[in-house]
Amino acid sequence: PTQLRAGGIATSLGAPCEDTFEVPV
C-alpha cells in the first residue's frame, strides 16, 4: 500500500454518466 493525495475536486463525466465522477490524483 502507498499513500496518495487528491489533487482537486471530483468532476462528473457528463451525460449520460453524470453520476460518475473522476477524482484527480
mmCIF file of all heavy atoms, coordinates in Angstrom:
data_MODEL
# 
_entry.id   MODEL 
# 
loop_
_atom_site.group_PDB 
_atom_site.id 
_atom_site.type_symbol 
_atom_site.label_atom_id 
_atom_site.label_alt_id 
_atom_site.label_comp_id 
_atom_site.label_asym_id 
_atom_site.label_entity_id 
_atom_site.label_seq_id 
_atom_site.pdbx_PDB_ins_code 
_atom_site.Cartn_x 
_atom_site.Cartn_y 
_atom_site.Cartn_z 
_atom_site.occupancy 
_atom_site.B_iso_or_equiv 
_atom_site.pdbx_formal_charge 
_atom_site.auth_seq_id 
_atom_site.auth_comp_id 
_atom_site.auth_asym_id 
_atom_site.auth_atom_id 
_atom_site.pdbx_PDB_model_num 
ATOM 1   N N   . PRO A 1 1  ? 0.825   -1.221 0.000   1.00 0.00 ? 1  PRO A N   1 
ATOM 2   C CA  . PRO A 1 1  ? 0.000   0.000  0.000   1.00 0.00 ? 1  PRO A CA  1 
ATOM 3   C C   . PRO A 1 1  ? 0.853   1.263  0.000   1.00 0.00 ? 1  PRO A C   1 
ATOM 4   O O   . PRO A 1 1  ? 1.890   1.325  0.660   1.00 0.00 ? 1  PRO A O   1 
ATOM 5   C CB  . PRO A 1 1  ? -0.803  -0.124 1.302   1.00 0.00 ? 1  PRO A CB  1 
ATOM 6   C CG  . PRO A 1 1  ? -0.860  -1.595 1.577   1.00 0.00 ? 1  PRO A CG  1 
ATOM 7   C CD  . PRO A 1 1  ? 0.458   -2.131 1.104   1.00 0.00 ? 1  PRO A CD  1 
ATOM 8   N N   . THR A 1 2  ? 0.417   2.253  -0.760  1.00 0.00 ? 2  THR A N   1 
ATOM 9   C CA  . THR A 1 2  ? 1.126   3.521  -0.843  1.00 0.00 ? 2  THR A CA  1 
ATOM 10  C C   . THR A 1 2  ? 0.169   4.666  -0.551  1.00 0.00 ? 2  THR A C   1 
ATOM 11  O O   . THR A 1 2  ? -1.050  4.538  -0.723  1.00 0.00 ? 2  THR A O   1 
ATOM 12  C CB  . THR A 1 2  ? 1.747   3.726  -2.231  1.00 0.00 ? 2  THR A CB  1 
ATOM 13  O OG1 . THR A 1 2  ? 0.715   3.598  -3.236  1.00 0.00 ? 2  THR A OG1 1 
ATOM 14  C CG2 . THR A 1 2  ? 2.827   2.694  -2.511  1.00 0.00 ? 2  THR A CG2 1 
ATOM 15  N N   . GLN A 1 3  ? 0.712   5.804  -0.113  1.00 0.00 ? 3  GLN A N   1 
ATOM 16  C CA  . GLN A 1 3  ? -0.082  6.961  0.241   1.00 0.00 ? 3  GLN A CA  1 
ATOM 17  C C   . GLN A 1 3  ? -0.159  7.933  -0.941  1.00 0.00 ? 3  GLN A C   1 
ATOM 18  O O   . GLN A 1 3  ? 0.847   8.195  -1.602  1.00 0.00 ? 3  GLN A O   1 
ATOM 19  C CB  . GLN A 1 3  ? 0.518   7.680  1.453   1.00 0.00 ? 3  GLN A CB  1 
ATOM 20  C CG  . GLN A 1 3  ? 0.602   6.817  2.703   1.00 0.00 ? 3  GLN A CG  1 
ATOM 21  C CD  . GLN A 1 3  ? -0.753  6.379  3.215   1.00 0.00 ? 3  GLN A CD  1 
ATOM 22  O OE1 . GLN A 1 3  ? -1.709  7.158  3.217   1.00 0.00 ? 3  GLN A OE1 1 
ATOM 23  N NE2 . GLN A 1 3  ? -0.849  5.123  3.644   1.00 0.00 ? 3  GLN A NE2 1 
ATOM 24  N N   . LEU A 1 4  ? -1.363  8.432  -1.205  1.00 0.00 ? 4  LEU A N   1 
ATOM 25  C CA  . LEU A 1 4  ? -1.592  9.397  -2.279  1.00 0.00 ? 4  LEU A CA  1 
ATOM 26  C C   . LEU A 1 4  ? -2.528  10.482 -1.769  1.00 0.00 ? 4  LEU A C   1 
ATOM 27  O O   . LEU A 1 4  ? -3.226  10.299 -0.772  1.00 0.00 ? 4  LEU A O   1 
ATOM 28  C CB  . LEU A 1 4  ? -2.212  8.710  -3.510  1.00 0.00 ? 4  LEU A CB  1 
ATOM 29  C CG  . LEU A 1 4  ? -1.370  7.638  -4.205  1.00 0.00 ? 4  LEU A CG  1 
ATOM 30  C CD1 . LEU A 1 4  ? -2.223  6.865  -5.200  1.00 0.00 ? 4  LEU A CD1 1 
ATOM 31  C CD2 . LEU A 1 4  ? -0.178  8.260  -4.910  1.00 0.00 ? 4  LEU A CD2 1 
ATOM 32  N N   . ARG A 1 5  ? -2.556  11.600 -2.478  1.00 0.00 ? 5  ARG A N   1 
ATOM 33  C CA  . ARG A 1 5  ? -3.437  12.704 -2.099  1.00 0.00 ? 5  ARG A CA  1 
ATOM 34  C C   . ARG A 1 5  ? -4.169  13.222 -3.333  1.00 0.00 ? 5  ARG A C   1 
ATOM 35  O O   . ARG A 1 5  ? -3.590  13.325 -4.420  1.00 0.00 ? 5  ARG A O   1 
ATOM 36  C CB  . ARG A 1 5  ? -2.650  13.840 -1.454  1.00 0.00 ? 5  ARG A CB  1 
ATOM 37  C CG  . ARG A 1 5  ? -3.521  15.027 -0.995  1.00 0.00 ? 5  ARG A CG  1 
ATOM 38  C CD  . ARG A 1 5  ? -2.687  16.105 -0.325  1.00 0.00 ? 5  ARG A CD  1 
ATOM 39  N NE  . ARG A 1 5  ? -2.171  15.660 0.958   1.00 0.00 ? 5  ARG A NE  1 
ATOM 40  C CZ  . ARG A 1 5  ? -2.846  15.766 2.103   1.00 0.00 ? 5  ARG A CZ  1 
ATOM 41  N NH1 . ARG A 1 5  ? -4.066  16.290 2.118   1.00 0.00 ? 5  ARG A NH1 1 
ATOM 42  N NH2 . ARG A 1 5  ? -2.299  15.365 3.224   1.00 0.00 ? 5  ARG A NH2 1 
ATOM 43  N N   . ALA A 1 6  ? -5.450  13.517 -3.176  1.00 0.00 ? 6  ALA A N   1 
ATOM 44  C CA  . ALA A 1 6  ? -6.239  14.073 -4.267  1.00 0.00 ? 6  ALA A CA  1 
ATOM 45  C C   . ALA A 1 6  ? -5.686  15.428 -4.674  1.00 0.00 ? 6  ALA A C   1 
ATOM 46  O O   . ALA A 1 6  ? -5.166  16.182 -3.838  1.00 0.00 ? 6  ALA A O   1 
ATOM 47  C CB  . ALA A 1 6  ? -7.699  14.192 -3.862  1.00 0.00 ? 6  ALA A CB  1 
ATOM 48  N N   . GLY A 1 7  ? -5.823  15.724 -5.970  1.00 0.00 ? 7  GLY A N   1 
ATOM 49  C CA  . GLY A 1 7  ? -5.312  16.990 -6.473  1.00 0.00 ? 7  GLY A CA  1 
ATOM 50  C C   . GLY A 1 7  ? -6.392  17.939 -6.919  1.00 0.00 ? 7  GLY A C   1 
ATOM 51  O O   . GLY A 1 7  ? -6.137  18.871 -7.696  1.00 0.00 ? 7  GLY A O   1 
ATOM 52  N N   . GLY A 1 8  ? -7.617  17.744 -6.432  1.00 0.00 ? 8  GLY A N   1 
ATOM 53  C CA  . GLY A 1 8  ? -8.698  18.633 -6.812  1.00 0.00 ? 8  GLY A CA  1 
ATOM 54  C C   . GLY A 1 8  ? -10.054 17.988 -6.585  1.00 0.00 ? 8  GLY A C   1 
ATOM 55  O O   . GLY A 1 8  ? -10.162 16.854 -6.123  1.00 0.00 ? 8  GLY A O   1 
ATOM 56  N N   . ILE A 1 9  ? -11.099 18.726 -6.915  1.00 0.00 ? 9  ILE A N   1 
ATOM 57  C CA  . ILE A 1 9  ? -12.475 18.285 -6.708  1.00 0.00 ? 9  ILE A CA  1 
ATOM 58  C C   . ILE A 1 9  ? -12.874 17.259 -7.772  1.00 0.00 ? 9  ILE A C   1 
ATOM 59  O O   . ILE A 1 9  ? -12.442 17.331 -8.923  1.00 0.00 ? 9  ILE A O   1 
ATOM 60  C CB  . ILE A 1 9  ? -13.430 19.493 -6.761  1.00 0.00 ? 9  ILE A CB  1 
ATOM 61  C CG1 . ILE A 1 9  ? -13.164 20.410 -5.563  1.00 0.00 ? 9  ILE A CG1 1 
ATOM 62  C CG2 . ILE A 1 9  ? -14.881 19.061 -6.756  1.00 0.00 ? 9  ILE A CG2 1 
ATOM 63  C CD1 . ILE A 1 9  ? -13.478 19.761 -4.221  1.00 0.00 ? 9  ILE A CD1 1 
ATOM 64  N N   . ALA A 1 10 ? -13.711 16.311 -7.390  1.00 0.00 ? 10 ALA A N   1 
ATOM 65  C CA  . ALA A 1 10 ? -14.236 15.325 -8.336  1.00 0.00 ? 10 ALA A CA  1 
ATOM 66  C C   . ALA A 1 10 ? -15.126 16.007 -9.363  1.00 0.00 ? 10 ALA A C   1 
ATOM 67  O O   . ALA A 1 10 ? -15.900 16.913 -9.035  1.00 0.00 ? 10 ALA A O   1 
ATOM 68  C CB  . ALA A 1 10 ? -15.035 14.262 -7.578  1.00 0.00 ? 10 ALA A CB  1 
ATOM 69  N N   . THR A 1 11 ? -15.024 15.579 -10.624 1.00 0.00 ? 11 THR A N   1 
ATOM 70  C CA  . THR A 1 11 ? -15.823 16.162 -11.705 1.00 0.00 ? 11 THR A CA  1 
ATOM 71  C C   . THR A 1 11 ? -16.624 15.072 -12.409 1.00 0.00 ? 11 THR A C   1 
ATOM 72  O O   . THR A 1 11 ? -16.145 13.953 -12.593 1.00 0.00 ? 11 THR A O   1 
ATOM 73  C CB  . THR A 1 11 ? -14.928 16.880 -12.727 1.00 0.00 ? 11 THR A CB  1 
ATOM 74  O OG1 . THR A 1 11 ? -13.950 15.965 -13.238 1.00 0.00 ? 11 THR A OG1 1 
ATOM 75  C CG2 . THR A 1 11 ? -14.209 18.053 -12.076 1.00 0.00 ? 11 THR A CG2 1 
ATOM 76  N N   . SER A 1 12 ? -17.825 15.422 -12.821 1.00 0.00 ? 12 SER A N   1 
ATOM 77  C CA  . SER A 1 12 ? -18.715 14.477 -13.483 1.00 0.00 ? 12 SER A CA  1 
ATOM 78  C C   . SER A 1 12 ? -18.237 14.185 -14.905 1.00 0.00 ? 12 SER A C   1 
ATOM 79  O O   . SER A 1 12 ? -17.655 15.046 -15.574 1.00 0.00 ? 12 SER A O   1 
ATOM 80  C CB  . SER A 1 12 ? -20.134 15.036 -13.520 1.00 0.00 ? 12 SER A CB  1 
ATOM 81  O OG  . SER A 1 12 ? -20.970 14.252 -14.340 1.00 0.00 ? 12 SER A OG  1 
ATOM 82  N N   . LEU A 1 13 ? -18.519 12.955 -15.374 1.00 0.00 ? 13 LEU A N   1 
ATOM 83  C CA  . LEU A 1 13 ? -18.217 12.605 -16.761 1.00 0.00 ? 13 LEU A CA  1 
ATOM 84  C C   . LEU A 1 13 ? -19.220 13.233 -17.725 1.00 0.00 ? 13 LEU A C   1 
ATOM 85  O O   . LEU A 1 13 ? -18.996 13.226 -18.930 1.00 0.00 ? 13 LEU A O   1 
ATOM 86  C CB  . LEU A 1 13 ? -18.225 11.078 -16.949 1.00 0.00 ? 13 LEU A CB  1 
ATOM 87  C CG  . LEU A 1 13 ? -17.161 10.276 -16.201 1.00 0.00 ? 13 LEU A CG  1 
ATOM 88  C CD1 . LEU A 1 13 ? -17.239 8.808  -16.610 1.00 0.00 ? 13 LEU A CD1 1 
ATOM 89  C CD2 . LEU A 1 13 ? -15.771 10.822 -16.458 1.00 0.00 ? 13 LEU A CD2 1 
ATOM 90  N N   . GLY A 1 14 ? -20.320 13.753 -17.206 1.00 0.00 ? 14 GLY A N   1 
ATOM 91  C CA  . GLY A 1 14 ? -21.331 14.348 -18.073 1.00 0.00 ? 14 GLY A CA  1 
ATOM 92  C C   . GLY A 1 14 ? -22.315 13.317 -18.596 1.00 0.00 ? 14 GLY A C   1 
ATOM 93  O O   . GLY A 1 14 ? -22.136 12.109 -18.429 1.00 0.00 ? 14 GLY A O   1 
ATOM 94  N N   . ALA A 1 15 ? -23.383 13.789 -19.235 1.00 0.00 ? 15 ALA A N   1 
ATOM 95  C CA  . ALA A 1 15 ? -24.436 12.914 -19.734 1.00 0.00 ? 15 ALA A CA  1 
ATOM 96  C C   . ALA A 1 15 ? -23.865 11.914 -20.749 1.00 0.00 ? 15 ALA A C   1 
ATOM 97  O O   . ALA A 1 15 ? -22.997 12.263 -21.546 1.00 0.00 ? 15 ALA A O   1 
ATOM 98  C CB  . ALA A 1 15 ? -25.536 13.757 -20.389 1.00 0.00 ? 15 ALA A CB  1 
ATOM 99  N N   . PRO A 1 16 ? -24.336 10.660 -20.700 1.00 0.00 ? 16 PRO A N   1 
ATOM 100 C CA  . PRO A 1 16 ? -25.368 10.123 -19.808 1.00 0.00 ? 16 PRO A CA  1 
ATOM 101 C C   . PRO A 1 16 ? -24.815 9.541  -18.515 1.00 0.00 ? 16 PRO A C   1 
ATOM 102 O O   . PRO A 1 16 ? -25.490 8.780  -17.846 1.00 0.00 ? 16 PRO A O   1 
ATOM 103 C CB  . PRO A 1 16 ? -25.985 9.020  -20.669 1.00 0.00 ? 16 PRO A CB  1 
ATOM 104 C CG  . PRO A 1 16 ? -24.804 8.458  -21.394 1.00 0.00 ? 16 PRO A CG  1 
ATOM 105 C CD  . PRO A 1 16 ? -23.909 9.647  -21.696 1.00 0.00 ? 16 PRO A CD  1 
ATOM 106 N N   . CYS A 1 17 ? -23.573 9.869  -18.173 1.00 0.00 ? 17 CYS A N   1 
ATOM 107 C CA  . CYS A 1 17 ? -22.930 9.315  -16.971 1.00 0.00 ? 17 CYS A CA  1 
ATOM 108 C C   . CYS A 1 17 ? -22.667 10.420 -15.953 1.00 0.00 ? 17 CYS A C   1 
ATOM 109 O O   . CYS A 1 17 ? -21.587 10.498 -15.364 1.00 0.00 ? 17 CYS A O   1 
ATOM 110 C CB  . CYS A 1 17 ? -21.628 8.614  -17.350 1.00 0.00 ? 17 CYS A CB  1 
ATOM 111 S SG  . CYS A 1 17 ? -21.830 7.332  -18.614 1.00 0.00 ? 17 CYS A SG  1 
ATOM 112 N N   . GLU A 1 18 ? -23.657 11.290 -15.763 1.00 0.00 ? 18 GLU A N   1 
ATOM 113 C CA  . GLU A 1 18 ? -23.450 12.456 -14.908 1.00 0.00 ? 18 GLU A CA  1 
ATOM 114 C C   . GLU A 1 18 ? -23.265 12.093 -13.434 1.00 0.00 ? 18 GLU A C   1 
ATOM 115 O O   . GLU A 1 18 ? -22.767 12.906 -12.649 1.00 0.00 ? 18 GLU A O   1 
ATOM 116 C CB  . GLU A 1 18 ? -24.610 13.446 -15.048 1.00 0.00 ? 18 GLU A CB  1 
ATOM 117 C CG  . GLU A 1 18 ? -25.990 12.864 -14.837 1.00 0.00 ? 18 GLU A CG  1 
ATOM 118 C CD  . GLU A 1 18 ? -26.573 12.248 -16.099 1.00 0.00 ? 18 GLU A CD  1 
ATOM 119 O OE1 . GLU A 1 18 ? -25.979 12.423 -17.170 1.00 0.00 ? 18 GLU A OE1 1 
ATOM 120 O OE2 . GLU A 1 18 ? -27.623 11.602 -16.000 1.00 0.00 ? 18 GLU A OE2 1 
ATOM 121 N N   . ASP A 1 19 ? -23.642 10.882 -13.030 1.00 0.00 ? 19 ASP A N   1 
ATOM 122 C CA  . ASP A 1 19 ? -23.460 10.460 -11.649 1.00 0.00 ? 19 ASP A CA  1 
ATOM 123 C C   . ASP A 1 19 ? -22.157 9.699  -11.437 1.00 0.00 ? 19 ASP A C   1 
ATOM 124 O O   . ASP A 1 19 ? -21.947 9.109  -10.374 1.00 0.00 ? 19 ASP A O   1 
ATOM 125 C CB  . ASP A 1 19 ? -24.632 9.589  -11.194 1.00 0.00 ? 19 ASP A CB  1 
ATOM 126 C CG  . ASP A 1 19 ? -25.897 10.404 -10.970 1.00 0.00 ? 19 ASP A CG  1 
ATOM 127 O OD1 . ASP A 1 19 ? -25.781 11.642 -10.820 1.00 0.00 ? 19 ASP A OD1 1 
ATOM 128 O OD2 . ASP A 1 19 ? -26.993 9.826  -10.957 1.00 0.00 ? 19 ASP A OD2 1 
ATOM 129 N N   . THR A 1 20 ? -21.301 9.692  -12.443 1.00 0.00 ? 20 THR A N   1 
ATOM 130 C CA  . THR A 1 20 ? -19.974 9.084  -12.324 1.00 0.00 ? 20 THR A CA  1 
ATOM 131 C C   . THR A 1 20 ? -18.946 10.208 -12.302 1.00 0.00 ? 20 THR A C   1 
ATOM 132 O O   . THR A 1 20 ? -18.986 11.109 -13.131 1.00 0.00 ? 20 THR A O   1 
ATOM 133 C CB  . THR A 1 20 ? -19.690 8.129  -13.497 1.00 0.00 ? 20 THR A CB  1 
ATOM 134 O OG1 . THR A 1 20 ? -20.696 7.108  -13.508 1.00 0.00 ? 20 THR A OG1 1 
ATOM 135 C CG2 . THR A 1 20 ? -18.327 7.490  -13.361 1.00 0.00 ? 20 THR A CG2 1 
ATOM 136 N N   . PHE A 1 21 ? -18.011 10.148 -11.345 1.00 0.00 ? 21 PHE A N   1 
ATOM 137 C CA  . PHE A 1 21 ? -17.088 11.249 -11.116 1.00 0.00 ? 21 PHE A CA  1 
ATOM 138 C C   . PHE A 1 21 ? -15.638 10.780 -11.167 1.00 0.00 ? 21 PHE A C   1 
ATOM 139 O O   . PHE A 1 21 ? -15.298 9.721  -10.638 1.00 0.00 ? 21 PHE A O   1 
ATOM 140 C CB  . PHE A 1 21 ? -17.350 11.888 -9.740  1.00 0.00 ? 21 PHE A CB  1 
ATOM 141 C CG  . PHE A 1 21 ? -18.736 12.440 -9.593  1.00 0.00 ? 21 PHE A CG  1 
ATOM 142 C CD1 . PHE A 1 21 ? -19.769 11.621 -9.144  1.00 0.00 ? 21 PHE A CD1 1 
ATOM 143 C CD2 . PHE A 1 21 ? -19.010 13.751 -9.908  1.00 0.00 ? 21 PHE A CD2 1 
ATOM 144 C CE1 . PHE A 1 21 ? -21.050 12.116 -9.003  1.00 0.00 ? 21 PHE A CE1 1 
ATOM 145 C CE2 . PHE A 1 21 ? -20.298 14.259 -9.771  1.00 0.00 ? 21 PHE A CE2 1 
ATOM 146 C CZ  . PHE A 1 21 ? -21.321 13.437 -9.324  1.00 0.00 ? 21 PHE A CZ  1 
ATOM 147 N N   . GLU A 1 22 ? -14.800 11.578 -11.819 1.00 0.00 ? 22 GLU A N   1 
ATOM 148 C CA  . GLU A 1 22 ? -13.364 11.389 -11.811 1.00 0.00 ? 22 GLU A CA  1 
ATOM 149 C C   . GLU A 1 22 ? -12.751 12.223 -10.693 1.00 0.00 ? 22 GLU A C   1 
ATOM 150 O O   . GLU A 1 22 ? -13.154 13.362 -10.474 1.00 0.00 ? 22 GLU A O   1 
ATOM 151 C CB  . GLU A 1 22 ? -12.747 11.816 -13.143 1.00 0.00 ? 22 GLU A CB  1 
ATOM 152 C CG  . GLU A 1 22 ? -13.174 10.986 -14.342 1.00 0.00 ? 22 GLU A CG  1 
ATOM 153 C CD  . GLU A 1 22 ? -12.540 11.486 -15.624 1.00 0.00 ? 22 GLU A CD  1 
ATOM 154 O OE1 . GLU A 1 22 ? -12.178 12.681 -15.668 1.00 0.00 ? 22 GLU A OE1 1 
ATOM 155 O OE2 . GLU A 1 22 ? -12.410 10.698 -16.569 1.00 0.00 ? 22 GLU A OE2 1 
ATOM 156 N N   . VAL A 1 23 ? -11.776 11.643 -10.013 1.00 0.00 ? 23 VAL A N   1 
ATOM 157 C CA  . VAL A 1 23 ? -11.070 12.365 -8.954  1.00 0.00 ? 23 VAL A CA  1 
ATOM 158 C C   . VAL A 1 23 ? -9.607  12.497 -9.365  1.00 0.00 ? 23 VAL A C   1 
ATOM 159 O O   . VAL A 1 23 ? -8.924  11.488 -9.563  1.00 0.00 ? 23 VAL A O   1 
ATOM 160 C CB  . VAL A 1 23 ? -11.165 11.631 -7.606  1.00 0.00 ? 23 VAL A CB  1 
ATOM 161 C CG1 . VAL A 1 23 ? -10.376 12.382 -6.534  1.00 0.00 ? 23 VAL A CG1 1 
ATOM 162 C CG2 . VAL A 1 23 ? -12.621 11.473 -7.185  1.00 0.00 ? 23 VAL A CG2 1 
ATOM 163 N N   . PRO A 1 24 ? -9.098  13.719 -9.539  1.00 0.00 ? 24 PRO A N   1 
ATOM 164 C CA  . PRO A 1 24 ? -7.691  13.879 -9.911  1.00 0.00 ? 24 PRO A CA  1 
ATOM 165 C C   . PRO A 1 24 ? -6.770  13.451 -8.771  1.00 0.00 ? 24 PRO A C   1 
ATOM 166 O O   . PRO A 1 24 ? -6.910  13.931 -7.648  1.00 0.00 ? 24 PRO A O   1 
ATOM 167 C CB  . PRO A 1 24 ? -7.560  15.380 -10.202 1.00 0.00 ? 24 PRO A CB  1 
ATOM 168 C CG  . PRO A 1 24 ? -8.675  16.015 -9.422  1.00 0.00 ? 24 PRO A CG  1 
ATOM 169 C CD  . PRO A 1 24 ? -9.794  15.016 -9.394  1.00 0.00 ? 24 PRO A CD  1 
ATOM 170 N N   . VAL A 1 25 ? -5.850  12.529 -9.080  1.00 0.00 ? 25 VAL A N   1 
ATOM 171 C CA  . VAL A 1 25 ? -4.874  12.059 -8.098  1.00 0.00 ? 25 VAL A CA  1 
ATOM 172 C C   . VAL A 1 25 ? -3.503  12.115 -8.757  1.00 0.00 ? 25 VAL A C   1 
ATOM 173 O O   . VAL A 1 25 ? -3.185  11.275 -9.609  1.00 0.00 ? 25 VAL A O   1 
ATOM 174 C CB  . VAL A 1 25 ? -5.181  10.630 -7.618  1.00 0.00 ? 25 VAL A CB  1 
ATOM 175 C CG1 . VAL A 1 25 ? -4.129  10.172 -6.590  1.00 0.00 ? 25 VAL A CG1 1 
ATOM 176 C CG2 . VAL A 1 25 ? -6.584  10.539 -7.020  1.00 0.00 ? 25 VAL A CG2 1 
# 
